[in-house]
Protein backbone atom coordinates (compact mmCIF):
# COMPACT_ATOMS: atom_id res chain seq x y z
CA MET A 1 -5.14 34.08 -51.36
CA ALA A 2 -4.77 36.26 -48.28
CA SER A 3 -2.06 35.08 -45.60
CA ASP A 4 -2.88 34.53 -41.72
CA ILE A 5 -3.00 37.56 -39.33
CA VAL A 6 0.03 36.46 -36.66
CA LEU A 7 -0.68 38.80 -33.72
CA VAL A 8 2.38 38.20 -30.59
CA HIS A 9 0.71 38.58 -27.35
CA SER A 10 2.83 39.06 -23.69
CA SER A 11 2.28 40.88 -20.88
CA ASP A 12 3.34 42.18 -17.46
CA LEU A 13 6.94 42.58 -18.54
CA HIS A 14 7.64 44.70 -15.28
CA VAL A 15 10.33 46.88 -16.88
CA ASP A 16 12.06 48.95 -13.78
CA ASP A 17 15.74 50.53 -13.88
CA ASP A 18 16.23 48.87 -10.03
CA PRO A 19 17.86 45.86 -10.60
CA HIS A 20 17.18 44.72 -7.09
CA GLN A 21 13.12 44.67 -8.03
CA GLY A 22 12.38 43.51 -11.21
CA PRO A 23 13.34 40.44 -12.16
CA TYR A 24 16.05 41.13 -15.00
CA GLY A 25 18.94 42.38 -12.97
CA GLN A 26 21.15 44.76 -14.44
CA ASP A 27 19.52 45.09 -18.10
CA GLY A 28 15.53 45.96 -16.89
CA THR A 29 14.67 46.32 -20.48
CA THR A 30 15.73 42.62 -21.09
CA GLY A 31 11.59 42.03 -21.57
CA LEU A 32 10.87 44.09 -24.41
CA ARG A 33 13.79 43.34 -25.75
CA VAL A 34 13.10 39.42 -25.93
CA VAL A 35 9.21 39.79 -26.71
CA LEU A 36 9.91 42.65 -29.36
CA ALA A 37 12.91 39.72 -30.78
CA ALA A 38 10.62 37.24 -30.79
CA ALA A 39 7.81 39.29 -32.86
CA ARG A 40 10.61 39.51 -35.57
CA ALA A 41 11.56 35.72 -35.35
CA HIS A 42 7.78 35.04 -35.56
CA ARG A 43 7.22 37.93 -38.29
CA ALA A 44 4.01 38.61 -36.25
CA ASP A 45 1.69 41.42 -38.40
CA TYR A 46 1.24 42.80 -34.95
CA VAL A 47 2.45 43.27 -31.38
CA LEU A 48 0.05 43.34 -28.06
CA LEU A 49 1.64 44.41 -24.52
CA VAL A 50 -1.59 43.85 -22.82
CA GLY A 51 -0.27 45.77 -18.90
CA ASP A 52 2.28 46.04 -16.87
CA ILE A 53 4.97 46.50 -19.57
CA PHE A 54 6.37 48.76 -16.92
CA ASP A 55 6.71 48.07 -13.04
CA ASN A 56 5.30 51.70 -12.44
CA ASN A 57 4.76 54.46 -13.25
CA ARG A 58 8.28 55.59 -11.18
CA GLN A 59 11.39 55.46 -14.00
CA SER A 60 13.81 56.99 -15.03
CA ALA A 61 14.22 58.87 -17.51
CA ALA A 62 17.00 56.79 -19.48
CA ILE A 63 14.98 53.62 -19.23
CA VAL A 64 11.82 55.57 -21.05
CA ALA A 65 14.33 56.13 -23.87
CA GLN A 66 15.53 52.89 -23.60
CA CYS A 67 12.39 51.72 -24.67
CA ALA A 68 11.68 53.94 -26.46
CA ALA A 69 13.96 53.64 -28.79
CA LEU A 70 13.59 49.52 -28.69
CA LEU A 71 9.63 50.12 -29.61
CA ALA A 72 10.64 52.96 -32.62
CA LYS A 73 12.73 50.09 -33.83
CA ALA A 74 10.27 47.40 -33.65
CA GLY A 75 9.37 47.62 -37.43
CA ARG A 76 5.43 46.69 -37.21
CA PRO A 77 2.27 47.85 -35.35
CA VAL A 78 1.94 47.55 -31.38
CA ILE A 79 -0.82 47.63 -29.80
CA VAL A 80 -0.01 48.78 -25.33
CA LEU A 81 -3.38 48.55 -22.90
CA PRO A 82 -1.34 49.96 -19.46
CA GLY A 83 -2.31 47.63 -16.17
CA ASN A 84 -2.88 48.55 -12.52
CA HIS A 85 1.26 48.47 -11.77
CA ASP A 86 1.78 51.48 -15.30
CA PRO A 87 -2.00 52.94 -15.25
CA LEU A 88 -2.03 56.96 -16.97
CA THR A 89 -2.38 59.10 -14.40
CA PRO A 90 -1.09 62.40 -15.15
CA ASP A 91 2.33 61.07 -14.38
CA SER A 92 2.04 57.78 -16.40
CA VAL A 93 5.80 56.80 -18.13
CA TRP A 94 3.46 56.84 -21.33
CA ARG A 95 3.35 60.28 -21.21
CA ARG A 96 6.81 60.49 -20.59
CA GLY A 97 9.86 59.90 -23.38
CA GLY A 98 8.28 60.13 -26.36
CA LEU A 99 6.28 56.87 -25.90
CA ASP A 100 3.28 58.44 -27.47
CA ARG A 101 4.46 59.90 -30.36
CA LEU A 102 6.10 56.98 -31.61
CA PRO A 103 3.70 56.64 -34.87
CA HIS A 104 3.52 52.68 -34.30
CA VAL A 105 2.84 52.80 -31.05
CA HIS A 106 -0.81 52.97 -30.05
CA ILE A 107 -1.90 53.69 -26.42
CA LEU A 108 -4.84 52.42 -25.77
CA GLY A 109 -6.93 55.10 -23.00
CA LEU A 110 -3.60 58.21 -24.99
CA THR A 111 -3.58 57.86 -28.60
CA HIS A 112 -6.60 55.51 -28.82
CA ALA A 113 -9.66 56.00 -26.59
CA GLN A 114 -10.38 52.67 -26.84
CA THR A 115 -10.03 51.01 -30.12
CA VAL A 116 -7.45 51.38 -33.17
CA HIS A 117 -8.69 49.53 -36.23
CA PHE A 118 -6.55 48.30 -39.20
CA PRO A 119 -7.76 48.38 -42.24
CA GLY A 120 -5.16 46.68 -44.22
CA HIS A 121 -6.71 43.20 -41.87
CA ASP A 122 -9.73 44.66 -41.31
CA LEU A 123 -8.45 44.01 -37.78
CA GLU A 124 -9.65 46.19 -34.93
CA ILE A 125 -8.32 45.85 -31.09
CA TRP A 126 -10.24 47.95 -28.13
CA GLY A 127 -9.67 47.37 -24.75
CA HIS A 128 -10.59 49.29 -21.55
CA ALA A 129 -7.12 50.77 -20.31
CA HIS A 130 -6.77 50.70 -16.10
CA VAL A 131 -6.80 55.27 -15.65
CA ASP A 132 -5.80 54.65 -12.35
CA TYR A 133 -5.44 52.57 -9.37
CA ASN A 134 -8.53 51.97 -8.79
CA ASP A 135 -10.58 49.14 -9.37
CA MET A 136 -12.49 48.82 -12.50
CA ALA A 137 -14.05 45.68 -14.90
CA PRO A 138 -11.64 45.47 -17.62
CA LEU A 139 -14.06 43.88 -20.59
CA ARG A 140 -17.07 46.67 -19.32
CA GLU A 141 -19.19 47.91 -22.20
CA PRO A 142 -17.54 44.87 -24.76
CA ARG A 143 -17.70 47.29 -28.23
CA LEU A 144 -20.29 45.71 -31.30
CA ARG A 145 -17.85 43.78 -34.31
CA SER A 146 -16.71 46.88 -36.56
CA ALA A 147 -14.61 44.91 -38.92
CA ARG A 148 -13.79 40.62 -40.66
CA TRP A 149 -11.44 40.37 -36.42
CA HIS A 150 -12.52 41.74 -33.53
CA VAL A 151 -9.19 40.79 -30.97
CA THR A 152 -10.12 42.52 -26.85
CA LEU A 153 -7.13 43.52 -24.60
CA ALA A 154 -7.68 42.75 -20.56
CA HIS A 155 -5.74 43.28 -17.86
CA GLY A 156 -6.63 42.07 -14.44
CA HIS A 157 -8.17 38.88 -12.77
CA TYR A 158 -10.21 35.84 -13.89
CA GLU A 159 -12.35 33.60 -12.02
CA ASP A 160 -14.43 30.55 -12.80
CA ASP A 161 -17.37 30.99 -12.02
CA GLY A 162 -19.11 30.11 -8.27
CA VAL A 163 -15.44 31.08 -6.74
CA VAL A 164 -15.27 32.98 -4.30
CA PRO A 165 -12.27 35.24 -5.26
CA LEU A 166 -8.93 35.63 -3.86
CA ARG A 167 -8.31 39.38 -5.27
CA PRO A 168 -10.93 41.18 -5.18
CA SER A 169 -9.93 43.30 -7.85
CA TRP A 170 -10.06 43.81 -11.73
CA LEU A 171 -12.36 40.71 -12.01
CA ILE A 172 -13.15 39.12 -14.90
CA SER A 173 -16.23 36.40 -15.37
CA ASN A 174 -16.91 33.52 -17.71
CA ALA A 175 -19.96 36.30 -18.92
CA GLU A 176 -17.73 38.75 -19.65
CA ILE A 177 -15.39 36.71 -21.48
CA GLU A 178 -18.69 35.59 -23.86
CA ALA A 179 -20.13 39.02 -24.26
CA THR A 180 -17.23 40.70 -26.05
CA ARG A 181 -17.71 38.00 -28.54
CA ALA A 182 -14.11 38.26 -29.90
CA ASP A 183 -11.86 36.13 -31.51
CA TYR A 184 -8.87 36.33 -29.72
CA LEU A 185 -9.25 37.73 -25.60
CA ALA A 186 -5.65 38.93 -25.03
CA LEU A 187 -4.63 38.55 -21.21
CA GLY A 188 -2.45 40.31 -18.68
CA HIS A 189 -2.40 40.23 -14.97
CA TRP A 190 -1.29 36.47 -14.40
CA ASN A 191 2.23 36.11 -14.58
CA ARG A 192 1.73 31.67 -16.08
CA ALA A 193 0.38 31.54 -19.00
CA ALA A 194 -2.92 29.41 -19.78
CA GLN A 195 -6.08 30.07 -20.97
CA VAL A 196 -9.16 30.21 -19.19
CA GLY A 197 -12.93 30.65 -20.41
CA ALA A 198 -15.02 27.35 -19.34
CA ARG A 199 -17.39 26.68 -21.38
CA VAL A 200 -16.80 29.67 -23.44
CA THR A 201 -16.32 30.10 -27.04
CA VAL A 202 -14.56 33.48 -26.94
CA PRO A 203 -10.52 32.09 -27.04
CA ALA A 204 -8.85 33.54 -23.62
CA TRP A 205 -5.47 33.44 -23.42
CA TYR A 206 -2.66 34.95 -20.61
CA SER A 207 0.56 34.95 -21.58
CA GLY A 208 2.10 35.01 -18.58
CA SER A 209 5.60 37.10 -17.85
CA PRO A 210 8.61 36.60 -20.18
CA ASP A 211 11.22 35.67 -17.07
CA LEU A 212 8.38 32.98 -16.03
CA ALA A 213 6.61 31.52 -19.14
CA LYS A 214 9.14 31.93 -20.98
CA THR A 215 7.01 32.48 -23.82
CA VAL A 216 5.27 34.36 -26.01
CA ASN A 217 1.66 33.69 -27.28
CA VAL A 218 1.47 32.84 -31.00
CA VAL A 219 -1.75 34.31 -32.01
CA ARG A 220 -2.72 33.25 -35.70
CA LEU A 221 -5.70 34.72 -37.51
CA ARG A 222 -6.58 32.64 -40.59
CA ASN A 223 -7.95 33.23 -44.01
CA ASP A 224 -10.16 30.59 -43.47
CA GLY A 225 -11.27 32.67 -40.66
CA GLY A 226 -10.28 29.91 -37.52
CA VAL A 227 -7.68 31.07 -35.09
CA ALA A 228 -5.27 29.03 -33.68
CA VAL A 229 -2.73 29.48 -30.10
CA THR A 230 0.45 28.44 -29.30
CA ARG A 231 3.19 28.55 -27.25
CA ALA A 232 6.67 29.77 -28.55
CA GLY A 233 9.29 30.51 -26.41
CA ILE A 234 11.64 33.46 -26.18
CA THR A 235 15.53 33.61 -26.74
CA TRP A 236 17.47 35.21 -24.08
CA ASP A 237 20.71 36.47 -24.49
């Protein structure tokens, strides 16, 4: 019998080489390092990094090289969705330091337009990357299912029906969540972990940031067709 497919989902790592700005002090790569360690500990088949992996696009070559080295040793496919802090502008950090040339790192909007398909697991992962700092609809034009497993990534702000948005940009609604028909919707943009989507059937979860949530989401796509989501603690040095 085929085994479960295991995904580790995180977001908002905010890697930064300025110790006065980022949440990790002197080692600005801490968030990425601990998330990749969690993926190894849980024997994840895939890692989902859903936006704001870097705090901004003004990172030094040195810290980009450190992140490239960490990702090179990830040992499993890593799917990245650039967010509003690290969008795919011409000077984007994702275009530098070889990040876009690592064979198992898939950057939506850059190495792949919107979708990555993994035929070994009959799994497709799709999402709309932030390409600039302007407003956009993260779940616009939902992709039709073309594989057994359908996972969506989105970086934006969820608002329940009838709630006046506190943040007027990058909005995600219940109807848009339901329209994805995804087996799992991996969300980024919130520092706290939460399941969202009132009265929808799609499992939609924010992972929260490593420094605040102190967890990652471990998602099991079960062979029987079910989906199980748990929050698992991360280990800090």
